[in-house]
Amino acid sequence: MKNLNKIKNRASLNRTINLTGNEIEIYSKDLLRLKKNTSLNQIENRVICQDIDKAIKYLPDKFVDLMFVDPPYNINKKFNQVSFKSMSNDAYQMWLDNWLSKMIRILKDSASVYICSDWSSSRAIVNVGTKYLILHNRITWEREKGRGAKRNWKNCAEDIWFFTKSSKYTFNVEKVKLRRKVRAPYKDDFGIPKDWKKEGNNNYRDTAPSNLWTDISIPFWSMPENTDHPTQKPEKLLAKIILASSNSGEIVFDPFMGSGTAAVVAKKLGRRFVGIERDEYYCCLSEKRLDKVKFNSNIQGYSDGVFWERNTLIDQLKKNKK
């Protein structure tokens, strides 16, 4: 198994999560590889190191409350020792259909499903997803990273498609409000703030969640959640999805687990999880991140039961320390 740690020399302040050879040896012993039908008790809160096509047939029926799917987009991309090759749109759609059709069996009737995509793979996600699920919305989130292109618009947005299995599903709107700064505070005739509150020198309003997310920071070297996975999703992004579409103690399932963000956030928020990832190094990385939750369950950008605009929570924490 390739150890990414040996490739890069880290700066002293770099907080990227690493694995030593000894940690790989220890964590690899905890990984599951399914060879027969399993019960929920056998797989809950476990990392399954296996190709999804092999593992899916051994999973129990109707155990998933929330499924978060971040599949390879239809581009050439290397994931440690595994490479994904771009294909025709029709072929990519067939690839999506092959695994999504098999996952319907494991979803509860009240389950929600979120599937990530870039602009070029969105059509395929919608075409396949609507064959089996009810489409409710498209979330677009700002992925502000990279240097841009010389002959095209800079690609700094991704989509997340929100499906459910039926018309009966969970959506906790009060759990996912965004706290915004109020630039022009309005008071009623009695001088009472209208729909906002004053904290220190700033004014804030808790606003209903929309399908346009501009408050997400991509993990980078100084953030404690950062890993070397090339398409790692931010913990704050997963926290919004998990809080909105599941309840405490329910099962969050991630069939393309990567470095384990969905499982980590599920654990931080009091949910159970099941994750599948084919690359053993990333599975071990997930295990280490899950271990770290015991000592730190904070989620950057989420505090006091609300999500904060980018950088405003930092200002608030500094104020509280004074």
C-alpha atoms as a PDB file:
ATOM      1  CA  MET A   1       0.000   0.000   0.000  1.00  0.00           C
ATOM      2  CA  LYS A   2       1.341   3.389  -0.999  1.00  0.00           C
ATOM      3  CA  ASN A   3       2.121   5.719   1.922  1.00  0.00           C
ATOM      4  CA  LEU A   4       1.558   9.298   0.751  1.00  0.00           C
ATOM      5  CA  ASN A   5       3.532  10.481   3.773  1.00  0.00           C
ATOM      6  CA  LYS A   6       6.771   9.421   2.142  1.00  0.00           C
ATOM      7  CA  ILE A   7       6.223  11.629  -0.876  1.00  0.00           C
ATOM      8  CA  LYS A   8       5.751  15.061   0.701  1.00  0.00           C
ATOM      9  CA  ASN A   9       7.862  16.990   3.171  1.00  0.00           C
ATOM     10  CA  ARG A  10       5.610  18.946   5.526  1.00  0.00           C
ATOM     11  CA  ALA A  11       6.210  22.478   6.766  1.00  0.00           C
ATOM     12  CA  SER A  12       6.309  22.817  10.550  1.00  0.00           C
ATOM     13  CA  LEU A  13       2.873  24.499  10.721  1.00  0.00           C
ATOM     14  CA  ASN A  14       1.227  22.126   8.248  1.00  0.00           C
ATOM     15  CA  ARG A  15      -1.698  20.384   9.995  1.00  0.00           C
ATOM     16  CA  THR A  16      -2.493  17.879   7.238  1.00  0.00           C
ATOM     17  CA  ILE A  17      -3.401  14.510   8.763  1.00  0.00           C
ATOM     18  CA  ASN A  18      -0.650  11.959   8.137  1.00  0.00           C
ATOM     19  CA  LEU A  19      -0.276   8.223   8.587  1.00  0.00           C
ATOM     20  CA  THR A  20       2.856   6.501   9.794  1.00  0.00           C
ATOM     21  CA  GLY A  21       3.719   2.965   8.753  1.00  0.00           C
ATOM     22  CA  ASN A  22       2.840   1.758  12.237  1.00  0.00           C
ATOM     23  CA  GLU A  23      -0.559   3.470  12.116  1.00  0.00           C
ATOM     24  CA  ILE A  24      -1.326   1.870   8.768  1.00  0.00           C
ATOM     25  CA  GLU A  25      -0.541  -1.535  10.233  1.00  0.00           C
ATOM     26  CA  ILE A  26      -2.791  -0.910  13.253  1.00  0.00           C
ATOM     27  CA  TYR A  27      -5.734   0.671  11.442  1.00  0.00           C
ATOM     28  CA  SER A  28      -5.737  -1.837   8.590  1.00  0.00           C
ATOM     29  CA  LYS A  29      -6.623  -4.567  11.094  1.00  0.00           C
ATOM     30  CA  ASP A  30      -9.907  -2.808  11.899  1.00  0.00           C
ATOM     31  CA  LEU A  31     -11.123  -2.678   8.292  1.00  0.00           C
ATOM     32  CA  LEU A  32     -13.988  -4.882   7.133  1.00  0.00           C
ATOM     33  CA  ARG A  33     -14.052  -6.911   3.905  1.00  0.00           C
ATOM     34  CA  LEU A  34     -17.442  -8.486   3.360  1.00  0.00           C
ATOM     35  CA  LYS A  35     -17.744 -12.076   2.135  1.00  0.00           C
ATOM     36  CA  LYS A  36     -21.266 -12.956   3.239  1.00  0.00           C
ATOM     37  CA  ASN A  37     -24.564 -11.325   4.144  1.00  0.00           C
ATOM     38  CA  THR A  38     -24.295  -9.016   7.142  1.00  0.00           C
ATOM     39  CA  SER A  39     -26.563  -7.510   9.781  1.00  0.00           C
ATOM     40  CA  LEU A  40     -26.569  -3.837  10.708  1.00  0.00           C
ATOM     41  CA  ASN A  41     -24.857  -4.634  14.012  1.00  0.00           C
ATOM     42  CA  GLN A  42     -21.915  -6.094  12.108  1.00  0.00           C
ATOM     43  CA  ILE A  43     -21.297  -3.046   9.936  1.00  0.00           C
ATOM     44  CA  GLU A  44     -22.471   0.036  11.828  1.00  0.00           C
ATOM     45  CA  ASN A  45     -19.704   2.505  12.693  1.00  0.00           C
ATOM     46  CA  ARG A  46     -17.272   0.496  10.569  1.00  0.00           C
ATOM     47  CA  VAL A  47     -15.147   1.204   7.526  1.00  0.00           C
ATOM     48  CA  ILE A  48     -15.475  -1.357   4.721  1.00  0.00           C
ATOM     49  CA  CYS A  49     -12.393  -1.592   2.511  1.00  0.00           C
ATOM     50  CA  GLN A  50     -13.803  -3.008  -0.698  1.00  0.00           C
ATOM     51  CA  ASP A  51     -15.058  -2.134  -4.143  1.00  0.00           C
ATOM     52  CA  ILE A  52     -18.693  -1.052  -3.959  1.00  0.00           C
ATOM     53  CA  ASP A  53     -19.736  -3.644  -6.579  1.00  0.00           C
ATOM     54  CA  LYS A  54     -18.511  -6.436  -4.309  1.00  0.00           C
ATOM     55  CA  ALA A  55     -19.694  -5.034  -0.979  1.00  0.00           C
ATOM     56  CA  ILE A  56     -23.200  -3.903  -1.913  1.00  0.00           C
ATOM     57  CA  LYS A  57     -24.637  -7.411  -2.303  1.00  0.00           C
ATOM     58  CA  TYR A  58     -23.762  -8.270   1.303  1.00  0.00           C
ATOM     59  CA  LEU A  59     -25.411  -5.240   2.929  1.00  0.00           C
ATOM     60  CA  PRO A  60     -28.771  -5.608   4.730  1.00  0.00           C
ATOM     61  CA  ASP A  61     -32.047  -4.286   3.330  1.00  0.00           C
ATOM     62  CA  LYS A  62     -33.459  -0.877   4.240  1.00  0.00           C
ATOM     63  CA  PHE A  63     -30.947   0.240   6.874  1.00  0.00           C
ATOM     64  CA  VAL A  64     -29.911   3.651   5.472  1.00  0.00           C
ATOM     65  CA  ASP A  65     -31.522   6.893   6.672  1.00  0.00           C
ATOM     66  CA  LEU A  66     -29.226   9.230   4.733  1.00  0.00           C
ATOM     67  CA  MET A  67     -26.931   8.365   1.828  1.00  0.00           C
ATOM     68  CA  PHE A  68     -24.214  10.818   0.838  1.00  0.00           C
ATOM     69  CA  VAL A  69     -22.551   9.976  -2.480  1.00  0.00           C
ATOM     70  CA  ASP A  70     -19.426  11.684  -3.803  1.00  0.00           C
ATOM     71  CA  PRO A  71     -18.558   9.541  -6.837  1.00  0.00           C
ATOM     72  CA  PRO A  72     -15.642  10.186  -9.204  1.00  0.00           C
ATOM     73  CA  TYR A  73     -16.647  12.881 -11.656  1.00  0.00           C
ATOM     74  CA  ASN A  74     -16.299  12.134 -15.346  1.00  0.00           C
ATOM     75  CA  ILE A  75     -12.712  13.382 -15.555  1.00  0.00           C
ATOM     76  CA  ASN A  76      -9.280  11.797 -15.368  1.00  0.00           C
ATOM     77  CA  LYS A  77      -8.319  11.718 -11.697  1.00  0.00           C
ATOM     78  CA  LYS A  78      -5.869   9.695  -9.640  1.00  0.00           C
ATOM     79  CA  PHE A  79      -6.903   8.670  -6.126  1.00  0.00           C
ATOM     80  CA  ASN A  80      -3.703   7.330  -4.564  1.00  0.00           C
ATOM     81  CA  GLN A  81      -3.332   3.909  -6.214  1.00  0.00           C
ATOM     82  CA  VAL A  82      -6.674   4.013  -8.036  1.00  0.00           C
ATOM     83  CA  SER A  83      -7.259   6.003 -11.232  1.00  0.00           C
ATOM     84  CA  PHE A  84     -10.567   7.023 -12.797  1.00  0.00           C
ATOM     85  CA  LYS A  85     -10.625   7.581 -16.548  1.00  0.00           C
ATOM     86  CA  SER A  86     -13.067   9.898 -18.284  1.00  0.00           C
ATOM     87  CA  MET A  87     -15.528   8.267 -20.664  1.00  0.00           C
ATOM     88  CA  SER A  88     -18.357   9.240 -22.978  1.00  0.00           C
ATOM     89  CA  ASN A  89     -21.445  10.770 -21.373  1.00  0.00           C
ATOM     90  CA  ASP A  90     -23.485   7.668 -22.180  1.00  0.00           C
ATOM     91  CA  ALA A  91     -20.868   5.357 -20.685  1.00  0.00           C
ATOM     92  CA  TYR A  92     -20.615   7.487 -17.537  1.00  0.00           C
ATOM     93  CA  GLN A  93     -24.379   7.398 -17.172  1.00  0.00           C
ATOM     94  CA  MET A  94     -24.350   3.607 -17.475  1.00  0.00           C
ATOM     95  CA  TRP A  95     -21.601   3.446 -14.826  1.00  0.00           C
ATOM     96  CA  LEU A  96     -23.712   5.552 -12.458  1.00  0.00           C
ATOM     97  CA  ASP A  97     -26.800   3.445 -13.114  1.00  0.00           C
ATOM     98  CA  ASN A  98     -24.893   0.234 -12.424  1.00  0.00           C
ATOM     99  CA  TRP A  99     -24.234   1.036  -8.767  1.00  0.00           C
ATOM    100  CA  LEU A 100     -27.113   3.392  -7.912  1.00  0.00           C
ATOM    101  CA  SER A 101     -29.731   0.870  -9.036  1.00  0.00           C
ATOM    102  CA  LYS A 102     -28.284  -1.648  -6.573  1.00  0.00           C
ATOM    103  CA  MET A 103     -28.375   0.794  -3.657  1.00  0.00           C
ATOM    104  CA  ILE A 104     -32.114   1.439  -3.717  1.00  0.00           C
ATOM    105  CA  ARG A 105     -32.596  -1.848  -1.854  1.00  0.00           C
ATOM    106  CA  ILE A 106     -30.618  -0.678   1.201  1.00  0.00           C
ATOM    107  CA  LEU A 107     -32.489   2.636   1.598  1.00  0.00           C
ATOM    108  CA  LYS A 108     -35.312   3.065   4.074  1.00  0.00           C
ATOM    109  CA  ASP A 109     -38.525   4.342   2.505  1.00  0.00           C
ATOM    110  CA  SER A 110     -37.936   7.651   4.339  1.00  0.00           C
ATOM    111  CA  ALA A 111     -34.301   7.945   3.219  1.00  0.00           C
ATOM    112  CA  SER A 112     -32.683  11.022   1.682  1.00  0.00           C
ATOM    113  CA  VAL A 113     -29.915  10.835  -0.920  1.00  0.00           C
ATOM    114  CA  TYR A 114     -27.381  13.532  -1.821  1.00  0.00           C
ATOM    115  CA  ILE A 115     -25.192  13.020  -4.904  1.00  0.00           C
ATOM    116  CA  CYS A 116     -22.258  15.311  -5.744  1.00  0.00           C
ATOM    117  CA  SER A 117     -21.289  16.370  -9.245  1.00  0.00           C
ATOM    118  CA  ASP A 118     -19.422  18.944 -11.269  1.00  0.00           C
ATOM    119  CA  TRP A 119     -21.088  20.852 -14.109  1.00  0.00           C
ATOM    120  CA  SER A 120     -20.184  18.270 -16.755  1.00  0.00           C
ATOM    121  CA  SER A 121     -21.584  15.271 -14.864  1.00  0.00           C
ATOM    122  CA  SER A 122     -24.768  16.923 -13.568  1.00  0.00           C
ATOM    123  CA  ARG A 123     -26.957  15.800 -16.471  1.00  0.00           C
ATOM    124  CA  ALA A 124     -25.987  12.173 -15.945  1.00  0.00           C
ATOM    125  CA  ILE A 125     -26.708  12.381 -12.196  1.00  0.00           C
ATOM    126  CA  VAL A 126     -30.189  13.783 -12.840  1.00  0.00           C
ATOM    127  CA  ASN A 127     -30.988  11.285 -15.611  1.00  0.00           C
ATOM    128  CA  VAL A 128     -30.038   8.292 -13.475  1.00  0.00           C
ATOM    129  CA  GLY A 129     -31.219   9.611 -10.117  1.00  0.00           C
ATOM    130  CA  THR A 130     -34.728  10.398 -11.295  1.00  0.00           C
ATOM    131  CA  LYS A 131     -35.163   6.808 -12.519  1.00  0.00           C
ATOM    132  CA  TYR A 132     -35.199   5.603  -8.915  1.00  0.00           C
ATOM    133  CA  LEU A 133     -35.667   8.631  -6.641  1.00  0.00           C
ATOM    134  CA  ILE A 134     -37.612  11.871  -6.256  1.00  0.00           C
ATOM    135  CA  LEU A 135     -35.553  14.965  -7.091  1.00  0.00           C
ATOM    136  CA  HIS A 136     -36.148  17.958  -4.797  1.00  0.00           C
ATOM    137  CA  ASN A 137     -33.363  20.438  -5.396  1.00  0.00           C
ATOM    138  CA  ARG A 138     -29.900  21.281  -6.637  1.00  0.00           C
ATOM    139  CA  ILE A 139     -27.448  22.757  -4.144  1.00  0.00           C
ATOM    140  CA  THR A 140     -24.621  24.776  -5.669  1.00  0.00           C
ATOM    141  CA  TRP A 141     -21.661  25.465  -3.431  1.00  0.00           C
ATOM    142  CA  GLU A 142     -18.696  27.717  -4.025  1.00  0.00           C
ATOM    143  CA  ARG A 143     -15.481  25.734  -4.235  1.00  0.00           C
ATOM    144  CA  GLU A 144     -13.112  28.695  -4.222  1.00  0.00           C
ATOM    145  CA  LYS A 145      -9.768  27.084  -4.951  1.00  0.00           C
ATOM    146  CA  GLY A 146      -7.305  26.889  -7.816  1.00  0.00           C
ATOM    147  CA  ARG A 147      -5.678  29.409 -10.123  1.00  0.00           C
ATOM    148  CA  GLY A 148      -8.220  29.483 -12.918  1.00  0.00           C
ATOM    149  CA  ALA A 149      -8.000  28.942 -16.667  1.00  0.00           C
ATOM    150  CA  LYS A 150      -6.628  31.148 -19.456  1.00  0.00           C
ATOM    151  CA  ARG A 151      -9.277  30.283 -22.062  1.00  0.00           C
ATOM    152  CA  ASN A 152     -12.352  29.630 -19.920  1.00  0.00           C
ATOM    153  CA  TRP A 153     -14.201  30.808 -16.824  1.00  0.00           C
ATOM    154  CA  LYS A 154     -12.648  29.609 -13.594  1.00  0.00           C
ATOM    155  CA  ASN A 155     -14.497  26.532 -12.381  1.00  0.00           C
ATOM    156  CA  CYS A 156     -15.190  27.215  -8.688  1.00  0.00           C
ATOM    157  CA  ALA A 157     -18.637  25.702  -8.107  1.00  0.00           C
ATOM    158  CA  GLU A 158     -19.969  22.171  -7.643  1.00  0.00           C
ATOM    159  CA  ASP A 159     -23.476  20.758  -7.370  1.00  0.00           C
ATOM    160  CA  ILE A 160     -25.121  18.432  -4.870  1.00  0.00           C
ATOM    161  CA  TRP A 161     -28.418  16.879  -5.976  1.00  0.00           C
ATOM    162  CA  PHE A 162     -31.006  16.305  -3.246  1.00  0.00           C
ATOM    163  CA  PHE A 163     -33.222  13.231  -3.737  1.00  0.00           C
ATOM    164  CA  THR A 164     -35.516  11.206  -1.502  1.00  0.00           C
ATOM    165  CA  LYS A 165     -36.869   7.705  -1.863  1.00  0.00           C
ATOM    166  CA  SER A 166     -40.445   8.790  -1.134  1.00  0.00           C
ATOM    167  CA  SER A 167     -42.482  11.849  -0.214  1.00  0.00           C
ATOM    168  CA  LYS A 168     -41.964  11.035   3.467  1.00  0.00           C
ATOM    169  CA  TYR A 169     -38.542  12.240   4.565  1.00  0.00           C
ATOM    170  CA  THR A 170     -36.673  14.235   7.226  1.00  0.00           C
ATOM    171  CA  PHE A 171     -35.754  17.876   6.768  1.00  0.00           C
ATOM    172  CA  ASN A 172     -34.764  19.774   9.928  1.00  0.00           C
ATOM    173  CA  VAL A 173     -34.830  23.336   8.635  1.00  0.00           C
ATOM    174  CA  GLU A 174     -34.216  24.885  12.064  1.00  0.00           C
ATOM    175  CA  LYS A 175     -30.979  22.906  12.431  1.00  0.00           C
ATOM    176  CA  VAL A 176     -29.272  24.431   9.417  1.00  0.00           C
ATOM    177  CA  LYS A 177     -29.801  28.157   9.615  1.00  0.00           C
ATOM    178  CA  LEU A 178     -27.021  30.511   8.548  1.00  0.00           C
ATOM    179  CA  ARG A 179     -25.990  33.384  10.816  1.00  0.00           C
ATOM    180  CA  ARG A 180     -25.307  36.427   8.651  1.00  0.00           C
ATOM    181  CA  LYS A 181     -24.024  39.863   9.492  1.00  0.00           C
ATOM    182  CA  VAL A 182     -26.712  42.539   9.175  1.00  0.00           C
ATOM    183  CA  ARG A 183     -25.405  45.494   7.215  1.00  0.00           C
ATOM    184  CA  ALA A 184     -28.466  47.745   7.605  1.00  0.00           C
ATOM    185  CA  PRO A 185     -30.210  46.816  10.884  1.00  0.00           C
ATOM    186  CA  TYR A 186     -33.889  47.763  11.052  1.00  0.00           C
ATOM    187  CA  LYS A 187     -35.797  48.495  14.258  1.00  0.00           C
ATOM    188  CA  ASP A 188     -39.529  48.739  14.822  1.00  0.00           C
ATOM    189  CA  ASP A 189     -41.349  51.774  16.231  1.00  0.00           C
ATOM    190  CA  PHE A 190     -40.320  50.813  19.774  1.00  0.00           C
ATOM    191  CA  GLY A 191     -36.617  50.603  18.896  1.00  0.00           C
ATOM    192  CA  ILE A 192     -36.562  46.811  19.073  1.00  0.00           C
ATOM    193  CA  PRO A 193     -34.374  44.938  16.535  1.00  0.00           C
ATOM    194  CA  LYS A 194     -36.503  43.295  13.839  1.00  0.00           C
ATOM    195  CA  ASP A 195     -35.394  39.715  13.070  1.00  0.00           C
ATOM    196  CA  TRP A 196     -31.804  40.320  14.193  1.00  0.00           C
ATOM    197  CA  LYS A 197     -29.755  40.563  17.364  1.00  0.00           C
ATOM    198  CA  LYS A 198     -26.758  42.563  18.474  1.00  0.00           C
ATOM    199  CA  GLU A 199     -23.604  40.822  19.688  1.00  0.00           C
ATOM    200  CA  GLY A 200     -20.716  43.084  20.624  1.00  0.00           C
ATOM    201  CA  ASN A 201     -20.052  45.466  17.784  1.00  0.00           C
ATOM    202  CA  ASN A 202     -21.809  43.283  15.207  1.00  0.00           C
ATOM    203  CA  ASN A 203     -25.421  42.601  14.260  1.00  0.00           C
ATOM    204  CA  TYR A 204     -26.558  39.136  13.168  1.00  0.00           C
ATOM    205  CA  ARG A 205     -29.626  37.498  11.667  1.00  0.00           C
ATOM    206  CA  ASP A 206     -30.280  33.747  11.479  1.00  0.00           C
ATOM    207  CA  THR A 207     -31.539  33.086   7.957  1.00  0.00           C
ATOM    208  CA  ALA A 208     -33.297  30.116   6.389  1.00  0.00           C
ATOM    209  CA  PRO A 209     -30.991  27.771   4.458  1.00  0.00           C
ATOM    210  CA  SER A 210     -30.867  28.217   0.700  1.00  0.00           C
ATOM    211  CA  ASN A 211     -29.536  26.060  -2.125  1.00  0.00           C
ATOM    212  CA  LEU A 212     -26.622  28.445  -2.769  1.00  0.00           C
ATOM    213  CA  TRP A 213     -23.748  27.898  -0.329  1.00  0.00           C
ATOM    214  CA  THR A 214     -21.030  30.557  -0.329  1.00  0.00           C
ATOM    215  CA  ASP A 215     -19.861  30.019   3.254  1.00  0.00           C
ATOM    216  CA  ILE A 216     -17.782  26.853   2.699  1.00  0.00           C
ATOM    217  CA  SER A 217     -13.993  26.825   3.068  1.00  0.00           C
ATOM    218  CA  ILE A 218     -12.076  24.125   1.201  1.00  0.00           C
ATOM    219  CA  PRO A 219      -9.732  22.234   3.561  1.00  0.00           C
ATOM    220  CA  PHE A 220      -6.147  23.426   3.217  1.00  0.00           C
ATOM    221  CA  TRP A 221      -2.810  22.782   4.935  1.00  0.00           C
ATOM    222  CA  SER A 222      -3.453  24.829   8.104  1.00  0.00           C
ATOM    223  CA  MET A 223      -6.845  23.246   8.852  1.00  0.00           C
ATOM    224  CA  PRO A 224      -6.878  20.220  11.203  1.00  0.00           C
ATOM    225  CA  GLU A 225      -9.355  18.349   8.975  1.00  0.00           C
ATOM    226  CA  ASN A 226      -7.097  18.516   5.899  1.00  0.00           C
ATOM    227  CA  THR A 227      -5.841  15.355   4.188  1.00  0.00           C
ATOM    228  CA  ASP A 228      -4.047  14.562   0.931  1.00  0.00           C
ATOM    229  CA  HIS A 229      -7.202  13.226  -0.696  1.00  0.00           C
ATOM    230  CA  PRO A 230      -7.613  15.191  -3.969  1.00  0.00           C
ATOM    231  CA  THR A 231     -11.391  15.711  -3.726  1.00  0.00           C
ATOM    232  CA  GLN A 232     -11.945  15.901   0.030  1.00  0.00           C
ATOM    233  CA  LYS A 233     -15.239  17.530   0.995  1.00  0.00           C
ATOM    234  CA  PRO A 234     -15.307  20.029   3.909  1.00  0.00           C
ATOM    235  CA  GLU A 235     -16.746  18.944   7.244  1.00  0.00           C
ATOM    236  CA  LYS A 236     -18.991  22.015   7.309  1.00  0.00           C
ATOM    237  CA  LEU A 237     -20.610  20.944   4.035  1.00  0.00           C
ATOM    238  CA  LEU A 238     -21.387  17.475   5.406  1.00  0.00           C
ATOM    239  CA  ALA A 239     -22.656  18.933   8.674  1.00  0.00           C
ATOM    240  CA  LYS A 240     -25.352  20.870   6.797  1.00  0.00           C
ATOM    241  CA  ILE A 241     -26.524  17.775   4.965  1.00  0.00           C
ATOM    242  CA  ILE A 242     -26.420  15.477   7.997  1.00  0.00           C
ATOM    243  CA  LEU A 243     -28.212  17.895  10.327  1.00  0.00           C
ATOM    244  CA  ALA A 244     -30.896  18.684   7.746  1.00  0.00           C
ATOM    245  CA  SER A 245     -31.659  15.154   6.580  1.00  0.00           C
ATOM    246  CA  SER A 246     -31.095  12.854   9.542  1.00  0.00           C
ATOM    247  CA  ASN A 247     -31.775  12.644  13.256  1.00  0.00           C
ATOM    248  CA  SER A 248     -29.621  11.639  16.206  1.00  0.00           C
ATOM    249  CA  GLY A 249     -28.730   7.943  16.170  1.00  0.00           C
ATOM    250  CA  GLU A 250     -29.687   7.369  12.523  1.00  0.00           C
ATOM    251  CA  ILE A 251     -27.476   5.772   9.867  1.00  0.00           C
ATOM    252  CA  VAL A 252     -25.417   7.810   7.404  1.00  0.00           C
ATOM    253  CA  PHE A 253     -24.078   5.716   4.517  1.00  0.00           C
ATOM    254  CA  ASP A 254     -21.218   6.759   2.216  1.00  0.00           C
ATOM    255  CA  PRO A 255     -20.366   4.308  -0.596  1.00  0.00           C
ATOM    256  CA  PHE A 256     -17.398   6.369  -1.911  1.00  0.00           C
ATOM    257  CA  MET A 257     -15.905   7.223   1.455  1.00  0.00           C
ATOM    258  CA  GLY A 258     -12.574   8.718   0.403  1.00  0.00           C
ATOM    259  CA  SER A 259     -10.823  10.119   3.471  1.00  0.00           C
ATOM    260  CA  GLY A 260     -13.932   9.682   5.622  1.00  0.00           C
ATOM    261  CA  THR A 261     -15.474  13.140   6.010  1.00  0.00           C
ATOM    262  CA  ALA A 262     -19.099  11.915   6.048  1.00  0.00           C
ATOM    263  CA  ALA A 263     -18.336   9.305   8.707  1.00  0.00           C
ATOM    264  CA  VAL A 264     -16.331  11.760  10.818  1.00  0.00           C
ATOM    265  CA  VAL A 265     -19.080  14.382  10.787  1.00  0.00           C
ATOM    266  CA  ALA A 266     -21.751  11.747  11.445  1.00  0.00           C
ATOM    267  CA  LYS A 267     -19.831  10.675  14.552  1.00  0.00           C
ATOM    268  CA  LYS A 268     -19.362  14.291  15.679  1.00  0.00           C
ATOM    269  CA  LEU A 269     -23.110  14.918  15.349  1.00  0.00           C
ATOM    270  CA  GLY A 270     -24.288  11.775  17.150  1.00  0.00           C
ATOM    271  CA  ARG A 271     -25.193   9.662  14.131  1.00  0.00           C
ATOM    272  CA  ARG A 272     -24.070   6.160  13.231  1.00  0.00           C
ATOM    273  CA  PHE A 273     -22.302   5.520   9.941  1.00  0.00           C
ATOM    274  CA  VAL A 274     -21.278   2.903   7.407  1.00  0.00           C
ATOM    275  CA  GLY A 275     -18.589   3.756   4.868  1.00  0.00           C
ATOM    276  CA  ILE A 276     -17.133   1.934   1.877  1.00  0.00           C
ATOM    277  CA  GLU A 277     -13.818   2.813   0.223  1.00  0.00           C
ATOM    278  CA  ARG A 278     -11.681   0.658  -2.071  1.00  0.00           C
ATOM    279  CA  ASP A 279      -8.282   2.265  -1.317  1.00  0.00           C
ATOM    280  CA  GLU A 280      -6.756   0.893   1.889  1.00  0.00           C
ATOM    281  CA  TYR A 281      -4.651   3.972   2.617  1.00  0.00           C
ATOM    282  CA  TYR A 282      -7.717   6.219   2.595  1.00  0.00           C
ATOM    283  CA  CYS A 283      -9.588   3.708   4.763  1.00  0.00           C
ATOM    284  CA  CYS A 284      -6.799   3.895   7.356  1.00  0.00           C
ATOM    285  CA  LEU A 285      -6.851   7.689   7.093  1.00  0.00           C
ATOM    286  CA  SER A 286     -10.587   7.586   7.843  1.00  0.00           C
ATOM    287  CA  GLU A 287      -9.956   5.415  10.881  1.00  0.00           C
ATOM    288  CA  LYS A 288      -7.410   7.883  12.226  1.00  0.00           C
ATOM    289  CA  ARG A 289      -9.775  10.814  11.690  1.00  0.00           C
ATOM    290  CA  LEU A 290     -12.534   8.897  13.481  1.00  0.00           C
ATOM    291  CA  ASP A 291     -10.173   8.279  16.398  1.00  0.00           C
ATOM    292  CA  LYS A 292      -9.437  11.992  16.636  1.00  0.00           C
ATOM    293  CA  VAL A 293     -13.141  12.754  17.144  1.00  0.00           C
ATOM    294  CA  LYS A 294     -12.735  11.459  20.718  1.00  0.00           C
ATOM    295  CA  PHE A 295     -10.576  14.486  21.490  1.00  0.00           C
ATOM    296  CA  ASN A 296     -12.105  17.136  19.229  1.00  0.00           C
ATOM    297  CA  SER A 297     -15.667  17.173  17.923  1.00  0.00           C
ATOM    298  CA  ASN A 298     -15.623  20.757  16.656  1.00  0.00           C
ATOM    299  CA  ILE A 299     -16.742  21.555  13.116  1.00  0.00           C
ATOM    300  CA  GLN A 300     -15.176  24.655  11.606  1.00  0.00           C
ATOM    301  CA  GLY A 301     -17.822  27.290  10.812  1.00  0.00           C
ATOM    302  CA  TYR A 302     -20.527  25.682  12.998  1.00  0.00           C
ATOM    303  CA  SER A 303     -21.167  26.829  16.574  1.00  0.00           C
ATOM    304  CA  ASP A 304     -24.070  27.556  18.930  1.00  0.00           C
ATOM    305  CA  GLY A 305     -26.375  25.457  16.752  1.00  0.00           C
ATOM    306  CA  VAL A 306     -25.969  27.631  13.647  1.00  0.00           C
ATOM    307  CA  PHE A 307     -23.679  27.920  10.656  1.00  0.00           C
ATOM    308  CA  TRP A 308     -21.698  31.112  10.295  1.00  0.00           C
ATOM    309  CA  GLU A 309     -20.644  33.014   7.205  1.00  0.00           C
ATOM    310  CA  ARG A 310     -17.038  32.489   6.197  1.00  0.00           C
ATOM    311  CA  ASN A 311     -14.602  34.109   8.692  1.00  0.00           C
ATOM    312  CA  THR A 312     -17.307  35.713  10.878  1.00  0.00           C
ATOM    313  CA  LEU A 313     -17.148  32.953  13.520  1.00  0.00           C
ATOM    314  CA  ILE A 314     -13.427  33.621  13.930  1.00  0.00           C
ATOM    315  CA  ASP A 315     -14.216  37.257  14.710  1.00  0.00           C
ATOM    316  CA  GLN A 316     -16.844  36.177  17.231  1.00  0.00           C
ATOM    317  CA  LEU A 317     -14.504  33.753  19.013  1.00  0.00           C
ATOM    318  CA  LYS A 318     -11.822  36.438  19.266  1.00  0.00           C
ATOM    319  CA  LYS A 319     -14.378  38.795  20.826  1.00  0.00           C
ATOM    320  CA  ASN A 320     -15.435  36.172  23.377  1.00  0.00           C
ATOM    321  CA  LYS A 321     -11.827  35.682  24.508  1.00  0.00           C
ATOM    322  CA  LYS A 322     -11.402  39.352  25.388  1.00  0.00           C
END
